[in-house]
Protein backbone atom coordinates (compact mmCIF):
# COMPACT_ATOMS: atom_id res chain seq x y z
CA MET A 1 8.25 -26.63 2.09
CA ALA A 2 10.38 -23.28 1.55
CA GLU A 3 12.68 -22.66 4.62
CA ASN A 4 11.30 -18.53 5.20
CA PRO A 5 7.53 -18.95 4.08
CA ALA A 6 6.60 -15.57 5.55
CA GLY A 7 9.87 -14.03 3.73
CA ALA A 8 8.35 -15.67 0.31
CA ALA A 9 5.31 -13.88 1.30
CA ALA A 10 6.65 -10.47 1.71
CA GLY A 11 7.80 -10.19 -1.65
CA HIS A 12 9.69 -13.14 -3.61
CA HIS A 13 8.10 -14.63 -6.35
CA GLY A 14 7.34 -18.52 -6.83
CA GLN A 15 9.48 -21.15 -6.94
CA PRO A 16 8.79 -24.31 -9.37
CA GLY A 17 8.23 -27.69 -7.15
CA GLY A 18 4.52 -26.96 -6.51
CA GLU A 19 4.64 -24.32 -4.23
CA THR A 20 3.27 -20.83 -3.89
CA PRO A 21 5.00 -18.13 -2.94
CA SER A 22 3.65 -17.93 0.49
CA GLY A 23 5.20 -21.59 1.10
CA ARG A 24 2.80 -23.50 0.92
CA GLU A 25 1.99 -26.38 -1.48
CA THR A 26 -0.57 -25.31 -4.27
CA PRO A 27 -4.32 -26.85 -3.68
CA PRO A 28 -4.85 -30.41 -4.97
CA GLY A 29 -6.60 -30.21 -8.43
CA GLY A 30 -5.79 -26.40 -8.80
CA GLU A 31 -3.07 -23.22 -9.12
CA THR A 32 -2.93 -20.87 -7.33
CA PRO A 33 -5.03 -17.95 -8.69
CA PRO A 34 -3.30 -15.61 -11.04
CA GLY A 35 -2.21 -12.85 -9.26
CA TRP A 36 -2.39 -13.64 -5.66
CA GLY A 37 0.63 -15.42 -5.77
CA THR A 38 2.74 -13.80 -7.82
CA GLN A 39 2.55 -10.14 -5.78
CA PRO A 40 1.35 -11.20 -2.26
CA GLY A 41 1.35 -8.63 0.58
CA TRP A 42 2.88 -5.37 0.13
CA GLU A 43 5.17 -5.38 -2.66
CA THR A 44 5.18 -1.59 -2.23
CA PRO A 45 4.95 -1.00 1.28
CA TRP A 46 1.50 0.86 2.37
CA PRO A 47 1.82 3.36 4.87
CA GLU A 48 2.69 1.79 8.42
CA SER A 49 2.70 -1.57 6.64
CA PRO A 50 5.50 -3.79 8.79
CA ALA A 51 7.36 -3.48 5.01
CA ALA A 52 7.90 -0.17 5.91
CA GLY A 53 9.47 -0.47 9.11
CA THR A 54 13.12 -0.46 10.51
CA GLY A 55 12.20 -3.64 12.91
CA ARG A 56 13.89 -7.03 12.37
CA GLN A 57 13.22 -8.49 8.61
CA GLU A 58 12.23 -11.71 9.81
CA ARG A 59 9.63 -10.10 12.18
CA ALA A 60 8.61 -7.66 9.42
CA ASP A 61 8.15 -10.57 6.85
CA LEU A 62 6.29 -12.27 9.09
CA GLU A 63 3.90 -9.46 10.07
CA VAL A 64 3.87 -8.94 6.34
CA ALA A 65 2.65 -12.69 5.76
CA PHE A 66 0.11 -12.20 8.63
CA ALA A 67 -1.74 -9.25 6.78
CA ALA A 68 -1.27 -11.09 3.57
CA GLY A 69 -2.75 -13.99 4.60
CA LEU A 70 -6.11 -12.17 6.57
CA ARG A 71 -6.24 -10.58 3.40
CA ARG A 72 -6.62 -13.65 0.91
CA THR A 73 -8.67 -15.47 3.49
CA GLY A 74 -11.24 -12.33 3.83
CA ALA A 75 -10.99 -12.27 -0.32
CA LEU A 76 -11.94 -15.77 -0.19
CA MET A 77 -14.45 -15.83 2.00
CA GLN A 78 -16.50 -13.10 0.18
CA LEU A 79 -15.96 -15.27 -3.00
CA MET A 80 -17.58 -18.48 -0.68
CA GLY A 81 -20.40 -16.28 0.28
CA THR A 82 -21.30 -14.95 -3.60
CA ALA A 83 -20.68 -18.13 -4.56
CA ALA A 84 -23.32 -19.84 -2.13
CA ALA A 85 -25.52 -17.57 -2.31
CA ASP A 86 -25.98 -18.17 -6.28
CA LYS A 87 -26.40 -22.06 -5.42
CA ILE A 88 -29.19 -21.52 -2.96
CA GLY A 89 -30.51 -18.85 -4.84
CA ILE A 90 -30.78 -15.67 -3.28
CA ASN A 91 -28.31 -12.75 -3.00
CA ALA A 92 -25.11 -12.30 -1.17
CA THR A 93 -26.49 -9.43 1.16
CA ASP A 94 -30.04 -11.87 1.90
CA LEU A 95 -27.26 -14.50 2.72
CA ASN A 96 -24.95 -12.37 5.02
CA CYS A 97 -28.29 -11.52 7.31
CA LEU A 98 -29.42 -14.93 6.89
CA ASN A 99 -26.33 -16.25 8.54
CA ILE A 100 -26.18 -13.29 11.08
CA LEU A 101 -29.88 -14.29 12.39
CA SER A 102 -28.79 -17.71 12.43
CA PHE A 103 -26.33 -17.28 15.26
CA SER A 104 -29.47 -16.31 17.94
CA GLY A 105 -32.07 -17.62 15.35
CA HIS A 106 -34.38 -14.58 15.94
CA MET A 107 -33.81 -10.76 15.81
CA THR A 108 -35.82 -7.57 15.33
CA ALA A 109 -35.73 -5.96 12.26
CA GLY A 110 -34.21 -2.84 13.67
CA GLU A 111 -31.67 -5.21 15.39
CA LEU A 112 -30.94 -6.64 11.93
CA ALA A 113 -30.17 -3.74 10.36
CA ARG A 114 -27.81 -2.38 12.79
CA ALA A 115 -25.79 -5.43 12.73
CA THR A 116 -25.24 -5.14 9.03
CA GLY A 117 -25.10 -1.45 8.58
CA LEU A 118 -28.22 -1.49 6.50
CA THR A 119 -31.04 0.97 6.29
CA THR A 120 -34.13 0.33 7.32
CA ALA A 121 -35.57 0.30 3.77
CA SER A 122 -33.00 -2.12 2.70
CA ILE A 123 -33.31 -4.36 5.75
CA THR A 124 -37.43 -4.24 4.76
CA GLY A 125 -36.16 -5.32 1.46
CA VAL A 126 -34.05 -8.28 2.83
CA ILE A 127 -36.69 -9.58 5.29
CA ASP A 128 -39.12 -9.23 2.76
CA ARG A 129 -37.09 -11.49 0.01
CA LEU A 130 -36.36 -14.07 2.17
CA GLU A 131 -39.84 -14.23 3.83
CA GLU A 132 -41.33 -14.65 0.13
CA ALA A 133 -38.54 -17.65 0.16
CA GLY A 134 -39.24 -19.11 3.08
CA PHE A 135 -36.36 -19.32 4.99
CA VAL A 136 -37.59 -16.24 7.97
CA SER A 137 -40.87 -15.66 9.29
CA ARG A 138 -42.02 -12.40 10.78
CA GLU A 139 -43.83 -12.95 14.52
CA ARG A 140 -45.02 -10.16 16.76
CA ASP A 141 -42.96 -9.45 20.29
CA ARG A 142 -44.72 -11.46 22.97
CA HIS A 143 -43.85 -9.12 25.47
CA ASP A 144 -44.27 -5.93 22.60
CA ARG A 145 -46.57 -6.42 20.41
CA ARG A 146 -45.07 -2.72 18.55
CA ARG A 147 -41.92 -4.94 17.68
CA VAL A 148 -41.44 -7.57 14.63
CA VAL A 149 -39.37 -10.53 15.43
CA VAL A 150 -38.06 -12.14 12.13
CA THR A 151 -37.71 -15.87 13.13
CA ILE A 152 -35.14 -18.16 10.79
CA THR A 153 -36.95 -21.16 9.81
CA LEU A 154 -35.01 -23.70 10.48
CA ASP A 155 -35.90 -26.63 8.32
CA ARG A 156 -35.40 -24.61 5.32
CA ALA A 157 -32.37 -23.51 6.61
CA MET A 158 -30.96 -26.59 7.21
CA ARG A 159 -32.14 -28.37 3.91
CA ASP A 160 -31.08 -25.10 1.88
CA VAL A 161 -28.69 -23.72 3.24
CA ALA A 162 -26.88 -25.90 5.58
CA SER A 163 -26.43 -28.70 2.90
CA VAL A 164 -24.32 -26.38 0.65
CA PHE A 165 -21.77 -25.52 3.45
CA LEU A 166 -21.68 -28.91 4.59
CA PRO A 167 -18.58 -30.15 2.27
CA LEU A 168 -16.95 -26.75 3.97
CA LEU A 169 -17.67 -27.57 7.55
CA ARG A 170 -16.49 -31.23 6.73
CA ASP A 171 -12.72 -29.99 5.82
CA TRP A 172 -12.68 -27.29 8.43
CA ARG A 173 -13.35 -29.93 10.67
CA ALA A 174 -10.77 -32.16 9.21
CA MET A 175 -8.27 -29.10 9.50
CA ALA A 176 -9.65 -28.84 13.23
CA ALA A 177 -8.41 -32.50 13.80
CA ARG A 178 -4.43 -31.95 12.97
CA TYR A 179 -4.63 -29.22 16.20
CA SER A 180 -4.12 -30.22 19.86
CA ASP A 181 -6.78 -28.47 22.07
CA ASP A 182 -4.31 -25.86 23.01
CA GLU A 183 -3.71 -24.95 19.53
CA LEU A 184 -7.11 -25.09 19.24
CA ARG A 185 -7.95 -22.57 21.70
CA LEU A 186 -5.00 -19.84 20.80
CA ILE A 187 -6.69 -20.15 17.60
CA VAL A 188 -10.17 -19.72 19.03
CA ASP A 189 -8.42 -16.57 21.31
CA PHE A 190 -6.97 -15.42 17.49
CA TYR A 191 -10.56 -15.06 15.88
CA GLY A 192 -12.36 -13.48 18.99
CA ARG A 193 -9.72 -10.73 19.14
CA MET A 194 -9.46 -10.00 15.29
CA GLU A 195 -14.01 -10.48 15.22
CA GLN A 196 -13.77 -7.41 18.24
CA VAL A 197 -10.77 -5.54 15.74
CA PHE A 198 -13.46 -5.67 12.94
CA ARG A 199 -16.29 -4.40 14.62
CA GLU A 200 -14.30 -1.57 16.04
CA HIS A 201 -13.35 -0.71 12.27
CA ILE A 202 -16.74 -1.24 11.29
CA VAL A 203 -18.09 1.61 13.63
CA ARG A 204 -15.06 3.30 12.55
CA LEU A 205 -16.46 3.02 8.62
CA ARG A 206 -19.79 3.74 9.74
CA ASP A 207 -19.40 6.66 11.57
CA GLY A 208 -16.77 8.26 8.97
């Protein structure tokens, strides 16, 4: 492993020996995607990026590596979602809505629209397609007959969606096994804080 992976991620080119510029070994059976490893992070500093500051270089390198890791992970999550949607036979937007719905199992169309930022017309189209494919059903709210609740069809979702993600979930579990309880608590706390950051900036972008 490279002695300073953060510095490598901040702008040094890859070295031979099966390592990416971020200091991690090349994934088994494949190479780093072109362009992802040769110019990571902010090689040309963005406004207010750590690389543009005047603080300690080691800290700046770590912050750039942190930001670059988030950007790569975000891009890969989107690519994974698109590939999974293709495999399932629905589009990526519909799969994302189904994923959001799966956390509670049921939501009104309005709640799902607010959660995704889609218009009422767009979310109606999403629900129509998911219902036609057998992934959700519409039901009248027992307490307010004016409201229509969208409920996930668990058997269908488990058969056609969960099965696609099962190998990934197994790899995540194996990766989690490498960390102690305290380390996992830190990671869970990190994801909770990142979720809040994303929510705040989604609101900012929509309001803007």
